[in-house]
């Protein structure tokens, strides 16, 4: 298994993520594109010392954005994972202000 810090890149802090955390005990992370669900589950359990119930993943394709001088360039594709924890587990994620 790869190093867990290479699999989990960062936590996604958004309004939708906050609602999922409060209602369903789910957390959203940006993960390595080559990581599978089993690797993501083990990495979360090792890094945060919690029990993971299930993992859902999706690949978000990069959009075409305008860059300098009216040219268009693609943004990179990225993968996110929605991780649901067991009932009594939680993760403290601090937002940098």
PDB file of N, CA and C in Angstrom:
ATOM      1  N   UNK A   1       0.836  -1.188   0.000  1.00  0.00           N
ATOM      2  CA  UNK A   1       0.000   0.000   0.000  1.00  0.00           C
ATOM      3  C   UNK A   1       0.877   1.247   0.000  1.00  0.00           C
ATOM      4  N   UNK A   2       0.410   2.250  -0.710  1.00  0.00           N
ATOM      5  CA  UNK A   2       1.125   3.523  -0.760  1.00  0.00           C
ATOM      6  C   UNK A   2       0.996   4.257   0.573  1.00  0.00           C
ATOM      7  N   UNK A   3       1.807   5.276   0.733  1.00  0.00           N
ATOM      8  CA  UNK A   3       1.742   6.114   1.928  1.00  0.00           C
ATOM      9  C   UNK A   3       0.369   6.799   1.983  1.00  0.00           C
ATOM     10  N   UNK A   4      -0.331   6.745   3.120  1.00  0.00           N
ATOM     11  CA  UNK A   4      -1.665   7.351   3.212  1.00  0.00           C
ATOM     12  C   UNK A   4      -1.685   8.842   2.909  1.00  0.00           C
ATOM     13  N   UNK A   5      -0.576   9.535   3.197  1.00  0.00           N
ATOM     14  CA  UNK A   5      -0.529  10.972   2.922  1.00  0.00           C
ATOM     15  C   UNK A   5      -0.438  11.281   1.437  1.00  0.00           C
ATOM     16  N   UNK A   6      -0.036  10.287   0.626  1.00  0.00           N
ATOM     17  CA  UNK A   6      -0.019  10.475  -0.825  1.00  0.00           C
ATOM     18  C   UNK A   6      -1.380  10.151  -1.438  1.00  0.00           C
ATOM     19  N   UNK A   7      -2.168   9.332  -0.771  1.00  0.00           N
ATOM     20  CA  UNK A   7      -3.490   8.961  -1.279  1.00  0.00           C
ATOM     21  C   UNK A   7      -4.496  10.075  -0.995  1.00  0.00           C
ATOM     22  N   UNK A   8      -4.531  10.571   0.254  1.00  0.00           N
ATOM     23  CA  UNK A   8      -5.463  11.631   0.643  1.00  0.00           C
ATOM     24  C   UNK A   8      -4.753  12.962   0.466  1.00  0.00           C
ATOM     25  N   UNK A   9      -5.216  13.778  -0.493  1.00  0.00           N
ATOM     26  CA  UNK A   9      -4.557  15.047  -0.759  1.00  0.00           C
ATOM     27  C   UNK A   9      -5.053  16.155   0.157  1.00  0.00           C
ATOM     28  N   UNK A  10      -6.384  16.331   0.249  1.00  0.00           N
ATOM     29  CA  UNK A  10      -6.933  17.359   1.125  1.00  0.00           C
ATOM     30  C   UNK A  10      -8.419  17.100   1.335  1.00  0.00           C
ATOM     31  N   UNK A  11      -8.958  17.739   2.348  1.00  0.00           N
ATOM     32  CA  UNK A  11     -10.391  17.667   2.619  1.00  0.00           C
ATOM     33  C   UNK A  11     -11.082  18.781   1.844  1.00  0.00           C
ATOM     34  N   UNK A  12     -12.245  18.479   1.288  1.00  0.00           N
ATOM     35  CA  UNK A  12     -13.026  19.491   0.586  1.00  0.00           C
ATOM     36  C   UNK A  12     -14.007  20.113   1.571  1.00  0.00           C
ATOM     37  N   UNK A  13     -13.888  21.392   1.790  1.00  0.00           N
ATOM     38  CA  UNK A  13     -14.762  22.100   2.710  1.00  0.00           C
ATOM     39  C   UNK A  13     -15.721  22.950   1.890  1.00  0.00           C
ATOM     40  N   UNK A  14     -16.974  22.511   1.816  1.00  0.00           N
ATOM     41  CA  UNK A  14     -17.980  23.232   1.052  1.00  0.00           C
ATOM     42  C   UNK A  14     -19.299  23.180   1.809  1.00  0.00           C
ATOM     43  N   UNK A  15     -20.275  23.894   1.300  1.00  0.00           N
ATOM     44  CA  UNK A  15     -21.585  23.905   1.944  1.00  0.00           C
ATOM     45  C   UNK A  15     -22.237  22.523   1.871  1.00  0.00           C
ATOM     46  N   UNK A  16     -22.125  21.882   0.730  1.00  0.00           N
ATOM     47  CA  UNK A  16     -22.683  20.541   0.583  1.00  0.00           C
ATOM     48  C   UNK A  16     -21.975  19.548   1.514  1.00  0.00           C
ATOM     49  N   UNK A  17     -20.674  19.682   1.625  1.00  0.00           N
ATOM     50  CA  UNK A  17     -19.916  18.823   2.516  1.00  0.00           C
ATOM     51  C   UNK A  17     -20.297  19.014   3.977  1.00  0.00           C
ATOM     52  N   UNK A  18     -20.581  20.254   4.363  1.00  0.00           N
ATOM     53  CA  UNK A  18     -21.004  20.519   5.736  1.00  0.00           C
ATOM     54  C   UNK A  18     -22.353  19.871   6.035  1.00  0.00           C
ATOM     55  N   UNK A  19     -23.268  19.928   5.080  1.00  0.00           N
ATOM     56  CA  UNK A  19     -24.572  19.291   5.276  1.00  0.00           C
ATOM     57  C   UNK A  19     -24.436  17.775   5.362  1.00  0.00           C
ATOM     58  N   UNK A  20     -23.591  17.194   4.517  1.00  0.00           N
ATOM     59  CA  UNK A  20     -23.371  15.747   4.570  1.00  0.00           C
ATOM     60  C   UNK A  20     -22.754  15.333   5.901  1.00  0.00           C
ATOM     61  N   UNK A  21     -21.846  16.156   6.416  1.00  0.00           N
ATOM     62  CA  UNK A  21     -21.186  15.840   7.679  1.00  0.00           C
ATOM     63  C   UNK A  21     -22.195  15.856   8.831  1.00  0.00           C
ATOM     64  N   UNK A  22     -23.072  16.842   8.850  1.00  0.00           N
ATOM     65  CA  UNK A  22     -24.033  16.961   9.935  1.00  0.00           C
ATOM     66  C   UNK A  22     -25.117  15.887   9.885  1.00  0.00           C
ATOM     67  N   UNK A  23     -25.658  15.625   8.704  1.00  0.00           N
ATOM     68  CA  UNK A  23     -26.808  14.730   8.594  1.00  0.00           C
ATOM     69  C   UNK A  23     -26.438  13.256   8.485  1.00  0.00           C
ATOM     70  N   UNK A  24     -25.400  12.944   7.711  1.00  0.00           N
ATOM     71  CA  UNK A  24     -25.127  11.550   7.382  1.00  0.00           C
ATOM     72  C   UNK A  24     -23.746  11.057   7.809  1.00  0.00           C
ATOM     73  N   UNK A  25     -22.976  11.889   8.518  1.00  0.00           N
ATOM     74  CA  UNK A  25     -21.628  11.528   8.969  1.00  0.00           C
ATOM     75  C   UNK A  25     -20.715  11.151   7.797  1.00  0.00           C
ATOM     76  N   UNK A  26     -20.792  11.953   6.718  1.00  0.00           N
ATOM     77  CA  UNK A  26     -19.966  11.743   5.527  1.00  0.00           C
ATOM     78  C   UNK A  26     -18.998  12.901   5.376  1.00  0.00           C
ATOM     79  N   UNK A  27     -17.815  12.595   4.879  1.00  0.00           N
ATOM     80  CA  UNK A  27     -16.762  13.588   4.659  1.00  0.00           C
ATOM     81  C   UNK A  27     -16.268  13.466   3.221  1.00  0.00           C
ATOM     82  N   UNK A  28     -15.875  14.599   2.628  1.00  0.00           N
ATOM     83  CA  UNK A  28     -15.426  14.620   1.235  1.00  0.00           C
ATOM     84  C   UNK A  28     -13.939  14.951   1.197  1.00  0.00           C
ATOM     85  N   UNK A  29     -13.178  14.152   0.431  1.00  0.00           N
ATOM     86  CA  UNK A  29     -11.739  14.337   0.299  1.00  0.00           C
ATOM     87  C   UNK A  29     -11.337  14.331  -1.169  1.00  0.00           C
ATOM     88  N   UNK A  30     -10.308  15.115  -1.510  1.00  0.00           N
ATOM     89  CA  UNK A  30      -9.662  15.020  -2.818  1.00  0.00           C
ATOM     90  C   UNK A  30      -8.592  13.947  -2.673  1.00  0.00           C
ATOM     91  N   UNK A  31      -8.618  12.956  -3.563  1.00  0.00           N
ATOM     92  CA  UNK A  31      -7.703  11.821  -3.453  1.00  0.00           C
ATOM     93  C   UNK A  31      -6.908  11.657  -4.744  1.00  0.00           C
ATOM     94  N   UNK A  32      -5.894  10.812  -4.684  1.00  0.00           N
ATOM     95  CA  UNK A  32      -5.069  10.499  -5.843  1.00  0.00           C
ATOM     96  C   UNK A  32      -5.914   9.793  -6.898  1.00  0.00           C
ATOM     97  N   UNK A  33      -5.709  10.141  -8.172  1.00  0.00           N
ATOM     98  CA  UNK A  33      -6.537   9.568  -9.240  1.00  0.00           C
ATOM     99  C   UNK A  33      -6.364   8.062  -9.389  1.00  0.00           C
ATOM    100  N   UNK A  34      -5.220   7.533  -9.010  1.00  0.00           N
ATOM    101  CA  UNK A  34      -4.988   6.098  -9.186  1.00  0.00           C
ATOM    102  C   UNK A  34      -5.400   5.273  -7.970  1.00  0.00           C
ATOM    103  N   UNK A  35      -5.871   5.916  -6.891  1.00  0.00           N
ATOM    104  CA  UNK A  35      -6.243   5.203  -5.668  1.00  0.00           C
ATOM    105  C   UNK A  35      -7.613   4.540  -5.831  1.00  0.00           C
ATOM    106  N   UNK A  36      -7.746   3.328  -5.283  1.00  0.00           N
ATOM    107  CA  UNK A  36      -9.042   2.657  -5.316  1.00  0.00           C
ATOM    108  C   UNK A  36      -9.722   2.786  -3.960  1.00  0.00           C
ATOM    109  N   UNK A  37     -10.949   2.252  -3.847  1.00  0.00           N
ATOM    110  CA  UNK A  37     -11.741   2.426  -2.632  1.00  0.00           C
ATOM    111  C   UNK A  37     -11.096   1.767  -1.413  1.00  0.00           C
ATOM    112  N   UNK A  38     -10.476   0.633  -1.605  1.00  0.00           N
ATOM    113  CA  UNK A  38      -9.852  -0.081  -0.490  1.00  0.00           C
ATOM    114  C   UNK A  38      -8.671   0.723   0.049  1.00  0.00           C
ATOM    115  N   UNK A  39      -7.845   1.271  -0.837  1.00  0.00           N
ATOM    116  CA  UNK A  39      -6.713   2.091  -0.408  1.00  0.00           C
ATOM    117  C   UNK A  39      -7.183   3.357   0.302  1.00  0.00           C
ATOM    118  N   UNK A  40      -8.252   3.973  -0.195  1.00  0.00           N
ATOM    119  CA  UNK A  40      -8.777   5.187   0.424  1.00  0.00           C
ATOM    120  C   UNK A  40      -9.299   4.875   1.819  1.00  0.00           C
ATOM    121  N   UNK A  41     -10.014   3.769   1.957  1.00  0.00           N
ATOM    122  CA  UNK A  41     -10.559   3.373   3.257  1.00  0.00           C
ATOM    123  C   UNK A  41      -9.441   3.150   4.272  1.00  0.00           C
ATOM    124  N   UNK A  42      -8.403   2.413   3.880  1.00  0.00           N
ATOM    125  CA  UNK A  42      -7.297   2.146   4.792  1.00  0.00           C
ATOM    126  C   UNK A  42      -6.549   3.426   5.152  1.00  0.00           C
ATOM    127  N   UNK A  43      -6.373   4.335   4.177  1.00  0.00           N
ATOM    128  CA  UNK A  43      -5.662   5.584   4.429  1.00  0.00           C
ATOM    129  C   UNK A  43      -6.414   6.459   5.427  1.00  0.00           C
ATOM    130  N   UNK A  44      -7.738   6.555   5.290  1.00  0.00           N
ATOM    131  CA  UNK A  44      -8.544   7.350   6.218  1.00  0.00           C
ATOM    132  C   UNK A  44      -8.477   6.745   7.616  1.00  0.00           C
ATOM    133  N   UNK A  45      -8.571   5.422   7.706  1.00  0.00           N
ATOM    134  CA  UNK A  45      -8.526   4.755   9.008  1.00  0.00           C
ATOM    135  C   UNK A  45      -7.179   4.946   9.693  1.00  0.00           C
ATOM    136  N   UNK A  46      -6.095   4.950   8.921  1.00  0.00           N
ATOM    137  CA  UNK A  46      -4.763   5.140   9.497  1.00  0.00           C
ATOM    138  C   UNK A  46      -4.527   6.600   9.894  1.00  0.00           C
ATOM    139  N   UNK A  47      -4.860   7.534   9.004  1.00  0.00           N
ATOM    140  CA  UNK A  47      -4.576   8.948   9.268  1.00  0.00           C
ATOM    141  C   UNK A  47      -5.424   9.530  10.397  1.00  0.00           C
ATOM    142  N   UNK A  48      -6.716   9.201  10.430  1.00  0.00           N
ATOM    143  CA  UNK A  48      -7.619   9.840  11.381  1.00  0.00           C
ATOM    144  C   UNK A  48      -8.049   8.917  12.526  1.00  0.00           C
ATOM    145  N   UNK A  49      -7.622   7.646  12.481  1.00  0.00           N
ATOM    146  CA  UNK A  49      -7.945   6.671  13.533  1.00  0.00           C
ATOM    147  C   UNK A  49      -9.445   6.584  13.788  1.00  0.00           C
ATOM    148  N   UNK A  50     -10.196   6.365  12.700  1.00  0.00           N
ATOM    149  CA  UNK A  50     -11.645   6.194  12.755  1.00  0.00           C
ATOM    150  C   UNK A  50     -12.019   4.909  12.022  1.00  0.00           C
ATOM    151  N   UNK A  51     -13.261   4.494  12.126  1.00  0.00           N
ATOM    152  CA  UNK A  51     -13.761   3.311  11.437  1.00  0.00           C
ATOM    153  C   UNK A  51     -14.626   3.761  10.264  1.00  0.00           C
ATOM    154  N   UNK A  52     -14.255   3.354   9.040  1.00  0.00           N
ATOM    155  CA  UNK A  52     -14.962   3.749   7.825  1.00  0.00           C
ATOM    156  C   UNK A  52     -16.004   2.690   7.482  1.00  0.00           C
ATOM    157  N   UNK A  53     -17.225   3.153   7.177  1.00  0.00           N
ATOM    158  CA  UNK A  53     -18.298   2.236   6.794  1.00  0.00           C
ATOM    159  C   UNK A  53     -18.279   1.963   5.293  1.00  0.00           C
ATOM    160  N   UNK A  54     -18.259   3.013   4.480  1.00  0.00           N
ATOM    161  CA  UNK A  54     -18.147   2.817   3.034  1.00  0.00           C
ATOM    162  C   UNK A  54     -17.528   4.035   2.360  1.00  0.00           C
ATOM    163  N   UNK A  55     -17.105   3.834   1.109  1.00  0.00           N
ATOM    164  CA  UNK A  55     -16.435   4.874   0.322  1.00  0.00           C
ATOM    165  C   UNK A  55     -17.077   4.920  -1.060  1.00  0.00           C
ATOM    166  N   UNK A  56     -17.387   6.123  -1.513  1.00  0.00           N
ATOM    167  CA  UNK A  56     -17.869   6.327  -2.875  1.00  0.00           C
ATOM    168  C   UNK A  56     -16.895   7.279  -3.559  1.00  0.00           C
ATOM    169  N   UNK A  57     -16.537   6.972  -4.801  1.00  0.00           N
ATOM    170  CA  UNK A  57     -15.566   7.801  -5.518  1.00  0.00           C
ATOM    171  C   UNK A  57     -16.152   8.298  -6.825  1.00  0.00           C
ATOM    172  N   UNK A  58     -15.607   9.410  -7.312  1.00  0.00           N
ATOM    173  CA  UNK A  58     -15.995   9.926  -8.625  1.00  0.00           C
ATOM    174  C   UNK A  58     -14.851  10.760  -9.190  1.00  0.00           C
ATOM    175  N   UNK A  59     -14.725  10.724 -10.500  1.00  0.00           N
ATOM    176  CA  UNK A  59     -13.706  11.513 -11.191  1.00  0.00           C
ATOM    177  C   UNK A  59     -14.377  12.738 -11.774  1.00  0.00           C
ATOM    178  N   UNK A  60     -13.880  13.909 -11.409  1.00  0.00           N
ATOM    179  CA  UNK A  60     -14.376  15.159 -11.955  1.00  0.00           C
ATOM    180  C   UNK A  60     -13.448  15.577 -13.086  1.00  0.00           C
ATOM    181  N   UNK A  61     -14.019  15.778 -14.258  1.00  0.00           N
ATOM    182  CA  UNK A  61     -13.217  16.140 -15.421  1.00  0.00           C
ATOM    183  C   UNK A  61     -12.966  17.638 -15.422  1.00  0.00           C
ATOM    184  N   UNK A  62     -11.749  18.014 -15.806  1.00  0.00           N
ATOM    185  CA  UNK A  62     -11.364  19.418 -15.807  1.00  0.00           C
ATOM    186  C   UNK A  62     -12.098  20.205 -16.874  1.00  0.00           C
ATOM    187  N   UNK A  63     -12.453  21.431 -16.525  1.00  0.00           N
ATOM    188  CA  UNK A  63     -13.168  22.299 -17.451  1.00  0.00           C
ATOM    189  C   UNK A  63     -12.178  23.067 -18.325  1.00  0.00           C
ATOM    190  N   UNK A  64     -12.683  23.581 -19.407  1.00  0.00           N
ATOM    191  CA  UNK A  64     -11.889  24.454 -20.269  1.00  0.00           C
ATOM    192  C   UNK A  64     -12.055  25.876 -19.741  1.00  0.00           C
ATOM    193  N   UNK A  65     -10.937  26.514 -19.413  1.00  0.00           N
ATOM    194  CA  UNK A  65     -10.962  27.874 -18.878  1.00  0.00           C
ATOM    195  C   UNK A  65     -10.144  28.788 -19.771  1.00  0.00           C
ATOM    196  N   UNK A  66     -10.507  30.055 -19.768  1.00  0.00           N
ATOM    197  CA  UNK A  66      -9.722  31.029 -20.514  1.00  0.00           C
ATOM    198  C   UNK A  66      -8.497  31.402 -19.699  1.00  0.00           C
ATOM    199  N   UNK A  67      -7.370  31.455 -20.388  1.00  0.00           N
ATOM    200  CA  UNK A  67      -6.123  31.868 -19.766  1.00  0.00           C
ATOM    201  C   UNK A  67      -5.667  33.150 -20.449  1.00  0.00           C
ATOM    202  N   UNK A  68      -4.420  33.458 -20.401  1.00  0.00           N
ATOM    203  CA  UNK A  68      -3.924  34.722 -20.936  1.00  0.00           C
ATOM    204  C   UNK A  68      -4.277  34.930 -22.408  1.00  0.00           C
ATOM    205  N   UNK A  69      -4.504  36.181 -22.754  1.00  0.00           N
ATOM    206  CA  UNK A  69      -4.685  36.634 -24.137  1.00  0.00           C
ATOM    207  C   UNK A  69      -5.831  35.920 -24.849  1.00  0.00           C
ATOM    208  N   UNK A  70      -6.864  35.524 -24.130  1.00  0.00           N
ATOM    209  CA  UNK A  70      -8.033  34.922 -24.754  1.00  0.00           C
ATOM    210  C   UNK A  70      -7.864  33.478 -25.174  1.00  0.00           C
ATOM    211  N   UNK A  71      -6.735  32.873 -24.814  1.00  0.00           N
ATOM    212  CA  UNK A  71      -6.532  31.467 -25.146  1.00  0.00           C
ATOM    213  C   UNK A  71      -7.297  30.590 -24.172  1.00  0.00           C
ATOM    214  N   UNK A  72      -7.578  29.372 -24.595  1.00  0.00           N
ATOM    215  CA  UNK A  72      -8.267  28.442 -23.714  1.00  0.00           C
ATOM    216  C   UNK A  72      -7.340  27.304 -23.334  1.00  0.00           C
ATOM    217  N   UNK A  73      -7.429  26.888 -22.082  1.00  0.00           N
ATOM    218  CA  UNK A  73      -6.602  25.794 -21.611  1.00  0.00           C
ATOM    219  C   UNK A  73      -7.400  24.910 -20.665  1.00  0.00           C
ATOM    220  N   UNK A  74      -7.093  23.619 -20.634  1.00  0.00           N
ATOM    221  CA  UNK A  74      -7.852  22.715 -19.765  1.00  0.00           C
ATOM    222  C   UNK A  74      -7.352  22.743 -18.327  1.00  0.00           C
ATOM    223  N   UNK A  75      -8.266  22.577 -17.382  1.00  0.00           N
ATOM    224  CA  UNK A  75      -7.910  22.372 -15.985  1.00  0.00           C
ATOM    225  C   UNK A  75      -7.749  20.864 -15.796  1.00  0.00           C
ATOM    226  N   UNK A  76      -6.956  20.428 -14.845  1.00  0.00           N
ATOM    227  CA  UNK A  76      -6.711  18.992 -14.705  1.00  0.00           C
ATOM    228  C   UNK A  76      -7.924  18.231 -14.151  1.00  0.00           C
ATOM    229  N   UNK A  77      -8.010  16.937 -14.506  1.00  0.00           N
ATOM    230  CA  UNK A  77      -9.018  16.064 -13.922  1.00  0.00           C
ATOM    231  C   UNK A  77      -8.616  15.765 -12.482  1.00  0.00           C
ATOM    232  N   UNK A  78      -9.609  15.516 -11.612  1.00  0.00           N
ATOM    233  CA  UNK A  78      -9.320  15.182 -10.230  1.00  0.00           C
ATOM    234  C   UNK A  78     -10.366  14.214  -9.711  1.00  0.00           C
ATOM    235  N   UNK A  79     -10.015  13.512  -8.659  1.00  0.00           N
ATOM    236  CA  UNK A  79     -10.882  12.471  -8.107  1.00  0.00           C
ATOM    237  C   UNK A  79     -11.252  12.839  -6.685  1.00  0.00           C
ATOM    238  N   UNK A  80     -12.540  12.640  -6.345  1.00  0.00           N
ATOM    239  CA  UNK A  80     -12.955  12.887  -4.968  1.00  0.00           C
ATOM    240  C   UNK A  80     -13.616  11.651  -4.403  1.00  0.00           C
ATOM    241  N   UNK A  81     -13.533  11.534  -3.085  1.00  0.00           N
ATOM    242  CA  UNK A  81     -14.111  10.400  -2.379  1.00  0.00           C
ATOM    243  C   UNK A  81     -15.042  10.923  -1.294  1.00  0.00           C
ATOM    244  N   UNK A  82     -16.228  10.308  -1.212  1.00  0.00           N
ATOM    245  CA  UNK A  82     -17.164  10.601  -0.138  1.00  0.00           C
ATOM    246  C   UNK A  82     -17.099   9.416   0.815  1.00  0.00           C
ATOM    247  N   UNK A  83     -16.638   9.688   2.033  1.00  0.00           N
ATOM    248  CA  UNK A  83     -16.372   8.640   3.018  1.00  0.00           C
ATOM    249  C   UNK A  83     -17.417   8.724   4.124  1.00  0.00           C
ATOM    250  N   UNK A  84     -18.114   7.602   4.361  1.00  0.00           N
ATOM    251  CA  UNK A  84     -19.085   7.542   5.459  1.00  0.00           C
ATOM    252  C   UNK A  84     -18.466   6.783   6.615  1.00  0.00           C
ATOM    253  N   UNK A  85     -18.519   7.388   7.800  1.00  0.00           N
ATOM    254  CA  UNK A  85     -17.931   6.788   8.985  1.00  0.00           C
ATOM    255  C   UNK A  85     -18.977   6.022   9.783  1.00  0.00           C
ATOM    256  N   UNK A  86     -18.490   5.153  10.666  1.00  0.00           N
ATOM    257  CA  UNK A  86     -19.382   4.443  11.578  1.00  0.00           C
ATOM    258  C   UNK A  86     -20.079   5.451  12.498  1.00  0.00           C
ATOM    259  N   UNK A  87     -21.075   4.994  13.215  1.00  0.00           N
ATOM    260  CA  UNK A  87     -21.977   5.871  13.958  1.00  0.00           C
ATOM    261  C   UNK A  87     -21.287   6.806  14.947  1.00  0.00           C
ATOM    262  N   UNK A  88     -20.389   6.317  15.769  1.00  0.00           N
ATOM    263  CA  UNK A  88     -19.808   7.135  16.837  1.00  0.00           C
ATOM    264  C   UNK A  88     -18.467   7.771  16.475  1.00  0.00           C
ATOM    265  N   UNK A  89     -18.065   7.737  15.221  1.00  0.00           N
ATOM    266  CA  UNK A  89     -16.784   8.295  14.795  1.00  0.00           C
ATOM    267  C   UNK A  89     -16.990   9.660  14.152  1.00  0.00           C
ATOM    268  N   UNK A  90     -15.968  10.509  14.283  1.00  0.00           N
ATOM    269  CA  UNK A  90     -15.991  11.809  13.618  1.00  0.00           C
ATOM    270  C   UNK A  90     -14.557  12.256  13.364  1.00  0.00           C
ATOM    271  N   UNK A  91     -14.406  13.193  12.437  1.00  0.00           N
ATOM    272  CA  UNK A  91     -13.100  13.739  12.073  1.00  0.00           C
ATOM    273  C   UNK A  91     -13.146  15.241  12.321  1.00  0.00           C
ATOM    274  N   UNK A  92     -12.129  15.758  12.980  1.00  0.00           N
ATOM    275  CA  UNK A  92     -12.017  17.197  13.195  1.00  0.00           C
ATOM    276  C   UNK A  92     -11.226  17.799  12.031  1.00  0.00           C
ATOM    277  N   UNK A  93     -11.887  18.568  11.189  1.00  0.00           N
ATOM    278  CA  UNK A  93     -11.250  19.225  10.061  1.00  0.00           C
ATOM    279  C   UNK A  93     -11.306  20.719  10.324  1.00  0.00           C
ATOM    280  N   UNK A  94     -10.142  21.359  10.391  1.00  0.00           N
ATOM    281  CA  UNK A  94     -10.082  22.779  10.674  1.00  0.00           C
ATOM    282  C   UNK A  94      -9.904  23.545   9.383  1.00  0.00           C
ATOM    283  N   UNK A  95     -10.719  24.567   9.218  1.00  0.00           N
ATOM    284  CA  UNK A  95     -10.657  25.395   8.024  1.00  0.00           C
ATOM    285  C   UNK A  95      -9.648  26.511   8.245  1.00  0.00           C
ATOM    286  N   UNK A  96      -8.714  26.672   7.312  1.00  0.00           N
ATOM    287  CA  UNK A  96      -7.712  27.727   7.409  1.00  0.00           C
ATOM    288  C   UNK A  96      -8.347  29.054   7.035  1.00  0.00           C
ATOM    289  N   UNK A  97      -8.226  30.024   7.910  1.00  0.00           N
ATOM    290  CA  UNK A  97      -8.837  31.335   7.662  1.00  0.00           C
ATOM    291  C   UNK A  97      -7.762  32.357   7.390  1.00  0.00           C
TER     292      UNK A  97
END
